[in-house]
Amino acid sequence: MLAGLFASYFDVIFAINRELHLSEKRLIALTATRCEKLPLEMAADIETVLRASTAADDKLITRVTRPLDHLDELLGYEGFDPGRSQPKASVEQLASTQS
């Protein structure tokens, strides 16, 4: 479950930065060297989730939401509406054409 979640997480980060990534390994290091735009506290958030997943932490779900919230913040800063998966301008344009 976490592997798929983090695969998608990193896909979004590389896309925001318009960078290709060909590796499934060392993604934190790759993003640090190749990506200018990163979620706040990315490495620490991921480490916390991974530690919680191996320690039978009953707050794992809560810990998983933190890096996703930070990714949503980055998407919002970049002009996307994470709730709609579209650029905000497109959502606003669509709303104005429907009124």
N, C-alpha and C. Protein backbone atom coordinates (compact mmCIF):
# COMPACT_ATOMS: atom_id res chain seq x y z
N MET A 1 0.82 -1.19 0.00
CA MET A 1 0.00 0.00 0.00
C MET A 1 0.87 1.27 0.00
N LEU A 2 1.83 1.34 0.91
CA LEU A 2 2.67 2.53 0.98
C LEU A 2 3.54 2.69 -0.26
N ALA A 3 3.99 1.58 -0.82
CA ALA A 3 4.84 1.67 -2.03
C ALA A 3 4.09 2.35 -3.17
N GLY A 4 2.84 1.96 -3.38
CA GLY A 4 2.03 2.57 -4.44
C GLY A 4 1.73 4.03 -4.15
N LEU A 5 1.45 4.34 -2.89
CA LEU A 5 1.17 5.71 -2.50
C LEU A 5 2.38 6.60 -2.77
N PHE A 6 3.55 6.15 -2.32
CA PHE A 6 4.74 6.97 -2.52
C PHE A 6 5.19 7.01 -3.97
N ALA A 7 4.91 5.97 -4.74
CA ALA A 7 5.22 6.02 -6.18
C ALA A 7 4.43 7.15 -6.83
N SER A 8 3.15 7.25 -6.51
CA SER A 8 2.32 8.33 -7.05
C SER A 8 2.76 9.68 -6.52
N TYR A 9 3.08 9.74 -5.26
CA TYR A 9 3.55 10.97 -4.61
C TYR A 9 4.76 11.53 -5.36
N PHE A 10 5.74 10.67 -5.63
CA PHE A 10 6.93 11.13 -6.34
C PHE A 10 6.64 11.43 -7.81
N ASP A 11 5.73 10.71 -8.42
CA ASP A 11 5.33 11.03 -9.80
C ASP A 11 4.83 12.47 -9.88
N VAL A 12 4.03 12.87 -8.91
CA VAL A 12 3.48 14.23 -8.89
C VAL A 12 4.61 15.25 -8.70
N ILE A 13 5.52 14.97 -7.79
CA ILE A 13 6.63 15.90 -7.54
C ILE A 13 7.48 16.08 -8.80
N PHE A 14 7.82 14.97 -9.45
CA PHE A 14 8.62 15.09 -10.68
C PHE A 14 7.84 15.82 -11.77
N ALA A 15 6.55 15.59 -11.86
CA ALA A 15 5.73 16.28 -12.87
C ALA A 15 5.69 17.78 -12.62
N ILE A 16 5.49 18.17 -11.37
CA ILE A 16 5.47 19.60 -11.03
C ILE A 16 6.77 20.27 -11.45
N ASN A 17 7.87 19.54 -11.29
CA ASN A 17 9.18 20.07 -11.64
C ASN A 17 9.57 19.83 -13.09
N ARG A 18 8.67 19.21 -13.85
CA ARG A 18 8.92 18.90 -15.26
C ARG A 18 10.22 18.13 -15.44
N GLU A 19 10.38 17.14 -14.57
CA GLU A 19 11.57 16.27 -14.60
C GLU A 19 11.13 14.84 -14.82
N LEU A 20 11.89 14.11 -15.57
CA LEU A 20 11.66 12.68 -15.73
C LEU A 20 12.41 11.94 -14.64
N HIS A 21 11.84 10.84 -14.20
CA HIS A 21 12.60 9.99 -13.28
C HIS A 21 12.46 8.56 -13.77
N LEU A 22 13.57 7.90 -13.81
CA LEU A 22 13.61 6.55 -14.36
C LEU A 22 13.86 5.50 -13.29
N SER A 23 13.95 5.92 -12.06
CA SER A 23 14.33 5.00 -10.99
C SER A 23 13.26 4.93 -9.92
N GLU A 24 13.15 3.78 -9.32
CA GLU A 24 12.26 3.62 -8.18
C GLU A 24 13.05 3.68 -6.88
N LYS A 25 14.35 3.84 -6.99
CA LYS A 25 15.21 3.85 -5.80
C LYS A 25 15.77 5.24 -5.58
N ARG A 26 16.05 5.53 -4.34
CA ARG A 26 16.67 6.80 -3.94
C ARG A 26 15.89 8.02 -4.43
N LEU A 27 14.58 7.94 -4.37
CA LEU A 27 13.77 9.04 -4.88
C LEU A 27 13.91 10.30 -4.04
N ILE A 28 14.09 10.15 -2.75
CA ILE A 28 14.28 11.35 -1.92
C ILE A 28 15.56 12.07 -2.34
N ALA A 29 16.63 11.32 -2.55
CA ALA A 29 17.89 11.93 -2.99
C ALA A 29 17.76 12.52 -4.39
N LEU A 30 17.06 11.83 -5.28
CA LEU A 30 16.87 12.36 -6.63
C LEU A 30 16.08 13.66 -6.63
N THR A 31 15.02 13.71 -5.85
CA THR A 31 14.23 14.95 -5.82
C THR A 31 15.05 16.09 -5.22
N ALA A 32 15.88 15.78 -4.23
CA ALA A 32 16.69 16.83 -3.60
C ALA A 32 17.69 17.43 -4.58
N THR A 33 18.19 16.63 -5.51
CA THR A 33 19.19 17.14 -6.44
C THR A 33 18.60 17.65 -7.75
N ARG A 34 17.43 17.13 -8.15
CA ARG A 34 16.89 17.48 -9.47
C ARG A 34 15.64 18.35 -9.43
N CYS A 35 15.03 18.49 -8.28
CA CYS A 35 13.75 19.22 -8.22
C CYS A 35 13.87 20.45 -7.34
N GLU A 36 13.44 21.56 -7.90
CA GLU A 36 13.47 22.83 -7.17
C GLU A 36 12.24 22.97 -6.26
N LYS A 37 11.12 22.44 -6.71
CA LYS A 37 9.85 22.59 -6.00
C LYS A 37 9.55 21.28 -5.27
N LEU A 38 9.53 21.37 -3.92
CA LEU A 38 9.30 20.19 -3.10
C LEU A 38 8.28 20.50 -2.01
N PRO A 39 7.54 19.50 -1.57
CA PRO A 39 6.64 19.71 -0.42
C PRO A 39 7.46 20.05 0.83
N LEU A 40 6.87 20.81 1.71
CA LEU A 40 7.52 21.14 2.98
C LEU A 40 7.86 19.86 3.73
N GLU A 41 9.01 19.81 4.33
CA GLU A 41 9.43 18.72 5.22
C GLU A 41 9.28 17.33 4.60
N MET A 42 9.47 17.24 3.29
CA MET A 42 9.25 16.00 2.57
C MET A 42 10.02 14.82 3.17
N ALA A 43 11.32 14.94 3.31
CA ALA A 43 12.14 13.82 3.79
C ALA A 43 11.73 13.40 5.20
N ALA A 44 11.52 14.37 6.07
CA ALA A 44 11.12 14.05 7.45
C ALA A 44 9.75 13.38 7.49
N ASP A 45 8.82 13.88 6.69
CA ASP A 45 7.48 13.28 6.65
C ASP A 45 7.54 11.83 6.18
N ILE A 46 8.31 11.57 5.15
CA ILE A 46 8.41 10.21 4.62
C ILE A 46 9.07 9.29 5.63
N GLU A 47 10.12 9.77 6.27
CA GLU A 47 10.79 8.96 7.29
C GLU A 47 9.83 8.62 8.43
N THR A 48 9.03 9.58 8.85
CA THR A 48 8.05 9.34 9.92
C THR A 48 7.05 8.27 9.52
N VAL A 49 6.56 8.34 8.29
CA VAL A 49 5.60 7.34 7.80
C VAL A 49 6.25 5.96 7.76
N LEU A 50 7.44 5.88 7.23
CA LEU A 50 8.11 4.58 7.11
C LEU A 50 8.42 3.98 8.48
N ARG A 51 8.84 4.80 9.42
CA ARG A 51 9.08 4.29 10.78
C ARG A 51 7.77 3.81 11.42
N ALA A 52 6.72 4.56 11.22
CA ALA A 52 5.42 4.18 11.79
C ALA A 52 4.92 2.87 11.19
N SER A 53 5.20 2.65 9.92
CA SER A 53 4.71 1.44 9.26
C SER A 53 5.42 0.19 9.75
N THR A 54 6.63 0.33 10.25
CA THR A 54 7.36 -0.84 10.73
C THR A 54 7.22 -1.05 12.23
N ALA A 55 6.63 -0.10 12.91
CA ALA A 55 6.53 -0.16 14.37
C ALA A 55 5.10 -0.43 14.85
N ALA A 56 4.22 -0.83 13.96
CA ALA A 56 2.82 -1.06 14.32
C ALA A 56 2.24 0.16 15.03
N ASP A 57 2.54 1.31 14.52
CA ASP A 57 2.07 2.59 15.08
C ASP A 57 0.58 2.74 14.80
N ASP A 58 -0.21 2.94 15.84
CA ASP A 58 -1.66 3.06 15.66
C ASP A 58 -2.05 4.40 15.04
N LYS A 59 -1.10 5.30 14.85
CA LYS A 59 -1.38 6.60 14.23
C LYS A 59 -0.82 6.67 12.80
N LEU A 60 -0.63 5.51 12.19
CA LEU A 60 -0.06 5.48 10.84
C LEU A 60 -0.89 6.30 9.86
N ILE A 61 -2.20 6.16 9.91
CA ILE A 61 -3.07 6.91 8.98
C ILE A 61 -2.86 8.41 9.16
N THR A 62 -2.79 8.85 10.39
CA THR A 62 -2.55 10.27 10.65
C THR A 62 -1.20 10.70 10.10
N ARG A 63 -0.21 9.86 10.27
CA ARG A 63 1.14 10.19 9.80
C ARG A 63 1.21 10.19 8.27
N VAL A 64 0.42 9.37 7.62
CA VAL A 64 0.41 9.33 6.15
C VAL A 64 -0.21 10.61 5.58
N THR A 65 -1.16 11.18 6.27
CA THR A 65 -1.83 12.37 5.73
C THR A 65 -0.92 13.60 5.70
N ARG A 66 0.06 13.66 6.56
CA ARG A 66 0.93 14.85 6.61
C ARG A 66 1.68 15.08 5.31
N PRO A 67 2.41 14.09 4.76
CA PRO A 67 3.09 14.37 3.48
C PRO A 67 2.10 14.66 2.35
N LEU A 68 0.92 14.05 2.40
CA LEU A 68 -0.08 14.32 1.36
C LEU A 68 -0.63 15.73 1.49
N ASP A 69 -0.82 16.19 2.72
CA ASP A 69 -1.25 17.58 2.93
C ASP A 69 -0.20 18.56 2.41
N HIS A 70 1.07 18.25 2.68
CA HIS A 70 2.14 19.13 2.18
C HIS A 70 2.21 19.10 0.65
N LEU A 71 1.94 17.95 0.06
CA LEU A 71 1.90 17.88 -1.40
C LEU A 71 0.74 18.70 -1.95
N ASP A 72 -0.42 18.62 -1.30
CA ASP A 72 -1.57 19.44 -1.70
C ASP A 72 -1.23 20.93 -1.63
N GLU A 73 -0.49 21.34 -0.59
CA GLU A 73 -0.08 22.74 -0.46
C GLU A 73 0.80 23.15 -1.64
N LEU A 74 1.74 22.28 -2.01
CA LEU A 74 2.61 22.57 -3.14
C LEU A 74 1.80 22.67 -4.43
N LEU A 75 0.86 21.76 -4.62
CA LEU A 75 0.00 21.80 -5.81
C LEU A 75 -0.79 23.11 -5.85
N GLY A 76 -1.34 23.51 -4.72
CA GLY A 76 -2.07 24.78 -4.66
C GLY A 76 -1.18 25.96 -4.99
N TYR A 77 0.03 25.95 -4.47
CA TYR A 77 0.99 27.02 -4.75
C TYR A 77 1.33 27.08 -6.24
N GLU A 78 1.33 25.92 -6.88
CA GLU A 78 1.65 25.84 -8.31
C GLU A 78 0.43 26.09 -9.20
N GLY A 79 -0.72 26.39 -8.59
CA GLY A 79 -1.89 26.76 -9.38
C GLY A 79 -2.87 25.64 -9.65
N PHE A 80 -2.71 24.51 -8.97
CA PHE A 80 -3.64 23.40 -9.15
C PHE A 80 -4.58 23.30 -7.96
N ASP A 81 -5.77 22.82 -8.23
CA ASP A 81 -6.73 22.56 -7.17
C ASP A 81 -6.68 21.06 -6.88
N PRO A 82 -6.01 20.65 -5.80
CA PRO A 82 -5.86 19.22 -5.53
C PRO A 82 -7.19 18.47 -5.40
N GLY A 83 -8.24 19.17 -5.03
CA GLY A 83 -9.55 18.53 -4.91
C GLY A 83 -10.19 18.21 -6.26
N ARG A 84 -9.73 18.85 -7.32
CA ARG A 84 -10.31 18.66 -8.64
C ARG A 84 -9.33 18.13 -9.67
N SER A 85 -8.05 18.09 -9.33
CA SER A 85 -7.00 17.62 -10.23
C SER A 85 -6.95 18.41 -11.54
N GLN A 86 -7.23 19.69 -11.45
CA GLN A 86 -7.18 20.56 -12.61
C GLN A 86 -6.53 21.88 -12.20
N PRO A 87 -5.91 22.56 -13.15
CA PRO A 87 -5.42 23.90 -12.82
C PRO A 87 -6.59 24.79 -12.38
N LYS A 88 -6.36 25.63 -11.38
CA LYS A 88 -7.43 26.49 -10.87
C LYS A 88 -8.03 27.36 -11.97
N ALA A 89 -7.20 27.86 -12.87
CA ALA A 89 -7.71 28.72 -13.94
C ALA A 89 -8.75 27.97 -14.76
N SER A 90 -8.54 26.72 -15.05
CA SER A 90 -9.49 25.92 -15.83
C SER A 90 -10.81 25.78 -15.10
N VAL A 91 -10.74 25.57 -13.79
CA VAL A 91 -11.97 25.44 -12.99
C VAL A 91 -12.73 26.75 -13.00
N GLU A 92 -12.01 27.87 -12.83
CA GLU A 92 -12.67 29.18 -12.84
C GLU A 92 -13.25 29.49 -14.21
N GLN A 93 -12.54 29.16 -15.27
CA GLN A 93 -13.05 29.40 -16.62
C GLN A 93 -14.30 28.57 -16.87
N LEU A 94 -14.29 27.33 -16.43
CA LEU A 94 -15.45 26.46 -16.60
C LEU A 94 -16.65 27.04 -15.86
N ALA A 95 -16.44 27.51 -14.64
CA ALA A 95 -17.53 28.09 -13.84
C ALA A 95 -18.11 29.32 -14.53
N SER A 96 -17.24 30.17 -15.12
CA SER A 96 -17.74 31.39 -15.75
C SER A 96 -18.52 31.09 -17.03
N THR A 97 -18.19 30.00 -17.72
CA THR A 97 -18.91 29.67 -18.94
C THR A 97 -20.25 29.01 -18.66
N GLN A 98 -20.41 28.47 -17.46
CA GLN A 98 -21.66 27.81 -17.11
C GLN A 98 -22.68 28.77 -16.51
N SER A 99 -22.26 29.99 -16.18
CA SER A 99 -23.21 30.93 -15.58
C SER A 99 -23.89 31.80 -16.58
